[in-house]
């Protein structure tokens, strides 16, 4: 059982990876159509269906202007999954966020004071300022007004084969670790 479902925009572009449970919920709310299914069968007392592998949204995403919520994943997305000190693109599990003005010195956990950092750079900087640590910040942190529609990291080695046709036409970079970086 894979457990992962590829969610596409109405224009068939990869948007994000969701759980099969979320995909089933969206299906019953009539917010997605199922395009591909796994062989695994899901059963309930009143329903039987195959596990969704690829689903497509029935309507465009809500385009109303909303403030971008501060979260770890949104900071990483704003910074392109790149350490803002060494510039290396990393997998999410290899990243943390760093307070430019350290918390111990009154720095707050807000958009304008947080950057993406890899663990070695974060350790090196510690509770010093960027200048005190002898480091350079690649880009000043800022509060984004929007984020890319899609920025997925999908490991080609573990990606279900059934997703491949839907990922091939997308804006894809492949990094040295075999990750597809879908930058829709």
Foldseek 3Di string as FASTA:
>chain_A
DLQWAFEAEQVLATQEIDGLVVVVVCVVVVQKDADDFDPDWDDDPVDIDGRGHYIYGPDGDDPDFDFDDDDFVQQCQVVVCAAQWPGDRDDSVQKDKAFQQAVVNVTDSDQQGIHIHGVVVRVLCDNHHCVVSVIDGNDGGDRDRDGQSHWDWAQPVSRPPVCVVSHVVAPWDADPRRITTGRD
